[in-house]
Each structure stands twice: as C-alpha cells, then as structure tokens.
Protein backbone atom coordinates (compact mmCIF):
# COMPACT_ATOMS: atom_id res chain seq x y z
CA UNK A 1 0.00 0.00 0.00
CA UNK A 2 1.29 3.47 -0.87
CA UNK A 3 1.94 5.86 2.00
CA UNK A 4 1.21 9.56 2.52
CA UNK A 5 3.31 11.40 5.10
CA UNK A 6 0.95 13.75 6.91
CA UNK A 7 0.83 15.89 10.05
CA UNK A 8 -1.14 14.52 12.97
CA UNK A 9 -3.02 17.86 12.98
CA UNK A 10 -4.54 17.34 9.51
CA UNK A 11 -8.31 17.61 9.07
CA UNK A 12 -9.86 14.21 9.98
CA UNK A 13 -11.90 14.39 6.76
CA UNK A 14 -8.66 14.68 4.80
CA UNK A 15 -7.24 11.62 6.57
CA UNK A 16 -10.39 9.62 5.90
CA UNK A 17 -10.37 10.64 2.24
CA UNK A 18 -6.76 9.57 1.77
CA UNK A 19 -7.54 6.16 3.27
CA UNK A 20 -10.65 5.84 1.08
CA UNK A 21 -8.39 6.44 -1.92
CA UNK A 22 -6.36 3.39 -0.93
CA UNK A 23 -3.38 4.99 0.81
CA UNK A 24 -1.83 4.35 4.19
CA UNK A 25 -1.01 7.36 6.37
CA UNK A 26 2.23 7.90 8.24
CA UNK A 27 1.22 10.29 11.01
CA UNK A 28 3.98 12.80 11.62
CA UNK A 29 4.00 13.67 15.30
CA UNK A 30 5.33 16.82 16.91
CA UNK A 31 8.87 16.81 18.29
CA UNK A 32 10.89 19.32 20.29
CA UNK A 33 13.56 19.49 17.57
CA UNK A 34 12.03 22.48 15.75
CA UNK A 35 9.68 25.30 16.70
CA UNK A 36 6.18 24.37 17.82
CA UNK A 37 4.08 25.62 14.87
CA UNK A 38 5.98 23.40 12.40
CA UNK A 39 6.93 20.57 14.75
CA UNK A 40 4.53 18.05 13.15
CA UNK A 41 5.08 19.15 9.55
CA UNK A 42 6.06 16.32 7.24
CA UNK A 43 8.11 18.56 4.95
CA UNK A 44 10.42 19.49 7.83
CA UNK A 45 11.53 15.89 8.34
CA UNK A 46 11.04 14.35 4.90
CA UNK A 47 11.53 15.33 1.27
CA UNK A 48 9.58 13.73 -1.56
CA UNK A 49 11.89 13.45 -4.57
CA UNK A 50 9.20 13.79 -7.22
CA UNK A 51 5.49 14.35 -7.62
CA UNK A 52 3.98 10.94 -8.35
CA UNK A 53 2.79 8.18 -6.06
CA UNK A 54 5.94 6.21 -6.82
CA UNK A 55 8.40 9.03 -6.08
CA UNK A 56 10.83 8.11 -3.29
CA UNK A 57 10.70 9.92 0.04
CA UNK A 58 14.00 10.96 1.58
CA UNK A 59 13.94 10.43 5.34
CA UNK A 60 16.23 12.91 7.00
CA UNK A 61 18.21 12.37 10.17
CA UNK A 62 16.14 14.20 12.75
CA UNK A 63 19.18 14.78 14.95
CA UNK A 64 20.55 17.14 12.30
CA UNK A 65 17.60 19.51 12.69
CA UNK A 66 17.52 22.47 15.05
CA UNK A 67 14.97 24.99 16.33
CA UNK A 68 16.52 28.08 14.72
CA UNK A 69 16.51 28.93 11.01
CA UNK A 70 18.22 27.65 8.86
CA UNK A 71 18.76 24.46 10.86
CA UNK A 72 15.06 23.65 10.53
CA UNK A 73 14.91 23.83 6.70
CA UNK A 74 17.67 21.47 5.59
CA UNK A 75 15.15 18.98 4.16
CA UNK A 76 12.51 21.50 3.03
CA UNK A 77 13.30 21.37 -0.68
CA UNK A 78 10.60 21.38 -3.36
CA UNK A 79 11.23 18.56 -5.83
CA UNK A 80 9.15 18.06 -8.93
CA UNK A 81 11.21 15.08 -10.03
CA UNK A 82 12.80 17.18 -12.76
CA UNK A 83 13.61 20.28 -10.71
CA UNK A 84 15.08 20.61 -7.20
CA UNK A 85 14.23 24.01 -5.71
CA UNK A 86 15.78 25.17 -2.44
CA UNK A 87 18.19 27.57 -0.77
CA UNK A 88 21.15 25.39 -1.70
CA UNK A 89 23.38 26.98 0.92
CA UNK A 90 21.51 25.03 3.57
CA UNK A 91 20.35 21.85 1.82
CA UNK A 92 21.37 18.68 3.65
CA UNK A 93 24.37 17.18 1.85
CA UNK A 94 22.91 13.67 1.71
CA UNK A 95 19.65 14.98 0.24
CA UNK A 96 21.55 16.97 -2.35
CA UNK A 97 23.62 13.94 -3.36
CA UNK A 98 20.44 11.90 -3.78
CA UNK A 99 18.94 14.58 -6.03
CA UNK A 100 22.15 14.78 -8.06
CA UNK A 101 22.13 11.01 -8.53
CA UNK A 102 18.57 11.27 -9.85
CA UNK A 103 19.68 13.88 -12.42
CA UNK A 104 17.56 16.75 -11.11
CA UNK A 105 18.07 20.33 -12.26
CA UNK A 106 18.92 22.58 -9.29
CA UNK A 107 17.32 26.00 -8.84
CA UNK A 108 18.77 28.06 -6.00
CA UNK A 109 16.30 30.37 -4.24
CA UNK A 110 16.56 32.54 -1.12
CA UNK A 111 13.49 31.02 0.56
CA UNK A 112 14.58 28.15 2.81
CA UNK A 113 11.01 27.01 3.36
CA UNK A 114 10.82 26.08 -0.30
CA UNK A 115 8.44 23.12 -0.06
CA UNK A 116 6.15 25.05 2.27
CA UNK A 117 6.08 27.83 -0.31
CA UNK A 118 5.53 25.71 -3.42
CA UNK A 119 2.57 23.59 -4.46
CA UNK A 120 3.99 21.00 -6.83
CA UNK A 121 1.39 20.32 -9.50
CA UNK A 122 3.46 18.04 -11.73
CA UNK A 123 7.02 17.65 -12.99
CA UNK A 124 6.85 20.89 -14.97
CA UNK A 125 4.34 22.99 -13.06
CA UNK A 126 4.16 24.69 -9.63
CA UNK A 127 2.16 27.31 -7.72
CA UNK A 128 3.61 29.81 -5.22
CA UNK A 129 2.88 33.15 -3.57
CA UNK A 130 6.60 33.90 -3.17
CA UNK A 131 7.68 36.56 -5.68
CA UNK A 132 11.36 35.74 -5.24
CA UNK A 133 10.82 32.06 -5.98
CA UNK A 134 8.65 32.83 -9.01
CA UNK A 135 11.22 35.28 -10.40
CA UNK A 136 14.12 32.83 -9.98
CA UNK A 137 12.18 29.94 -11.51
CA UNK A 138 11.39 32.05 -14.57
CA UNK A 139 15.00 33.27 -14.87
CA UNK A 140 16.29 29.70 -14.68
CA UNK A 141 13.68 28.42 -17.17
CA UNK A 142 12.27 26.13 -14.53
CA UNK A 143 8.74 24.74 -14.27
CA UNK A 144 5.66 26.67 -15.35
CA UNK A 145 4.94 28.84 -12.30
CA UNK A 146 1.63 30.38 -11.26
CA UNK A 147 2.14 33.31 -8.86
CA UNK A 148 -0.78 33.87 -6.50
CA UNK A 149 -1.70 36.35 -3.76
CA UNK A 150 -0.02 35.61 -0.39
CA UNK A 151 -2.01 34.91 2.77
CA UNK A 152 -5.50 33.46 3.23
CA UNK A 153 -3.95 30.30 4.73
CA UNK A 154 -3.71 29.57 8.45
CA UNK A 155 -0.45 28.67 10.19
CA UNK A 156 -0.68 28.80 13.96
CA UNK A 157 1.89 31.11 15.49
CA UNK A 158 2.47 32.95 12.20
CA UNK A 159 0.76 35.75 10.28
CA UNK A 160 -0.22 33.27 7.59
CA UNK A 161 0.74 29.93 6.08
CA UNK A 162 1.93 28.92 2.63
CA UNK A 163 0.24 27.21 -0.30
CA UNK A 164 2.65 24.27 -0.59
CA UNK A 165 2.18 23.35 3.04
CA UNK A 166 -1.59 23.19 2.65
CA UNK A 167 -1.79 20.52 -0.05
CA UNK A 168 -0.26 17.68 -2.03
CA UNK A 169 -0.69 15.50 -5.09
CA UNK A 170 -2.63 12.30 -4.35
CA UNK A 171 -3.20 10.19 -7.43
CA UNK A 172 -4.56 12.59 -10.05
CA UNK A 173 -5.79 15.21 -7.57
CA UNK A 174 -4.29 18.12 -5.73
CA UNK A 175 -5.83 17.62 -2.29
CA UNK A 176 -6.11 20.55 0.13
CA UNK A 177 -6.32 20.64 3.92
CA UNK A 178 -9.35 22.91 4.11
CA UNK A 179 -11.38 24.98 1.70
CA UNK A 180 -9.27 26.28 -1.21
CA UNK A 181 -12.42 27.76 -2.79
CA UNK A 182 -12.23 30.59 -0.21
CA UNK A 183 -8.89 31.76 -1.58
CA UNK A 184 -9.22 34.93 -3.71
CA UNK A 185 -7.15 33.29 -6.46
CA UNK A 186 -9.20 30.08 -6.43
CA UNK A 187 -10.27 30.30 -10.07
CA UNK A 188 -6.70 30.86 -11.27
CA UNK A 189 -5.44 28.03 -9.06
CA UNK A 190 -8.21 25.70 -10.24
CA UNK A 191 -7.69 26.58 -13.90
CA UNK A 192 -3.95 26.04 -13.61
CA UNK A 193 -4.32 22.63 -12.01
CA UNK A 194 -7.02 21.51 -14.43
CA UNK A 195 -4.90 22.65 -17.38
CA UNK A 196 -2.41 19.96 -16.32
CA UNK A 197 -5.05 17.24 -16.50
CA UNK A 198 -5.57 17.09 -12.73
CA UNK A 199 -8.51 17.81 -10.45
CA UNK A 200 -8.89 19.41 -7.02
CA UNK A 201 -10.27 18.06 -3.75
CA UNK A 202 -11.02 20.24 -0.73
CA UNK A 203 -13.09 20.22 2.44
CA UNK A 204 -15.66 23.01 3.05
CA UNK A 205 -16.23 24.48 6.47
CA UNK A 206 -12.58 24.79 7.44
CA UNK A 207 -10.22 27.55 6.44
CA UNK A 208 -7.23 26.41 4.41
CA UNK A 209 -4.39 25.49 6.78
CA UNK A 210 -0.66 24.94 6.28
CA UNK A 211 0.16 21.57 7.86
CA UNK A 212 3.51 20.92 6.20
CA UNK A 213 2.38 19.36 2.92
CA UNK A 214 0.96 15.99 1.94
CA UNK A 215 4.02 13.97 0.92
C-alpha cells in the first residue's frame, strides 16, 4: 500500500479521504527538535523526490535539525522530479547527493522554506505566492509557475501559512487541507491545475491550513 506522510493535525476528513483512496497514512507527530508551529510538519523531516505516487521519500536524520533557522529547513526542498528548488546553501548534503544522482536540475532560491512555499502540480508545473521564488524559476527556465496572492492560509503562530504546506498531489488530484475555494485566487489556481489534466479536492467548512504538505 502506498503511504502519505501527513501531520497529525490534519483535518480528519482529509485523513479519511486519503484512506478511502487506498493509501496508508504515516502520522507525523510533533517533536521538540524544531519550533512548535511546524513541529509536526512532514516537509520538515522528509523530502519527496518527485510528484507521483511512486516518487521516493528521503527520510532525513532528525538529529541534524535544530529549532533556529536555517537548521530547521535542511530537508525542506521542493522537488518536482525534474527540478530541485531550495536555498542550496543550507540543503542537507545527503539529500543533495540523492537529487544529483537522480539527475535533477537545481534551482537556487533565497526562501529556505521552499516546499512550504511551493505547491507541486506536476514535474513541470508549480504554484507559489513567493515573488522571489517565481522570479528565480522564470529566470532559470524552470517549471511553469503560477504566482498567487499571499495569505489566506492559516499557520498557527504565524501571520499566515503557505500554499505548498496546505496541499499535495494524491493520485490525479491536488488535495487541500481545508477549503481552497475561499482563496481569492481560487479560479486561477483551479484553472492552472485543471490545465495539467488534474482535479482538485477540498473540504468546506474549514479555512485552508498549512500543515507541512501531503508527501
């Protein structure tokens, strides 16, 4: 059975839906290794090296993490399978070697929370609200990048969360932890995802929340 790495704080309806789709869930539990708001986020401890169900998941050594930036972002790279997007100054060396061995194209950005910031749609398509990431991706001729309005996503302890941390690709759907239809750029997000031959799944009645991605 295929596994989805998911925060223990995820919407119960999301967890049930993932199981109904035939996936097992690895519940990521909070630790005291990083700051509280992100301590159960899957993308802090793990890095999915691609965007399909069969993409390998790199399991980082938790002891290498720390509570202060940038020691908490060493595994938080956004990997489409073709592109590896991160602040390469801080990427864990073992993770970088794995990506090199897989022949990925590296794009160096200044945002260490790269996976949190980027919704990976497919190998050649992403969504972000980070202007710096979008600019660098375009300069480097990286994946097709939809730039959306920041905010409108909850992250406890922070002003707002990030689009990548609120969702993930499950089968042929981008599945959201909460109600993406409330986002002011919903139509653009929906059109972008559908243009790639994918659909969207969300859960009404709960504001969209950044839980550290569905990996």
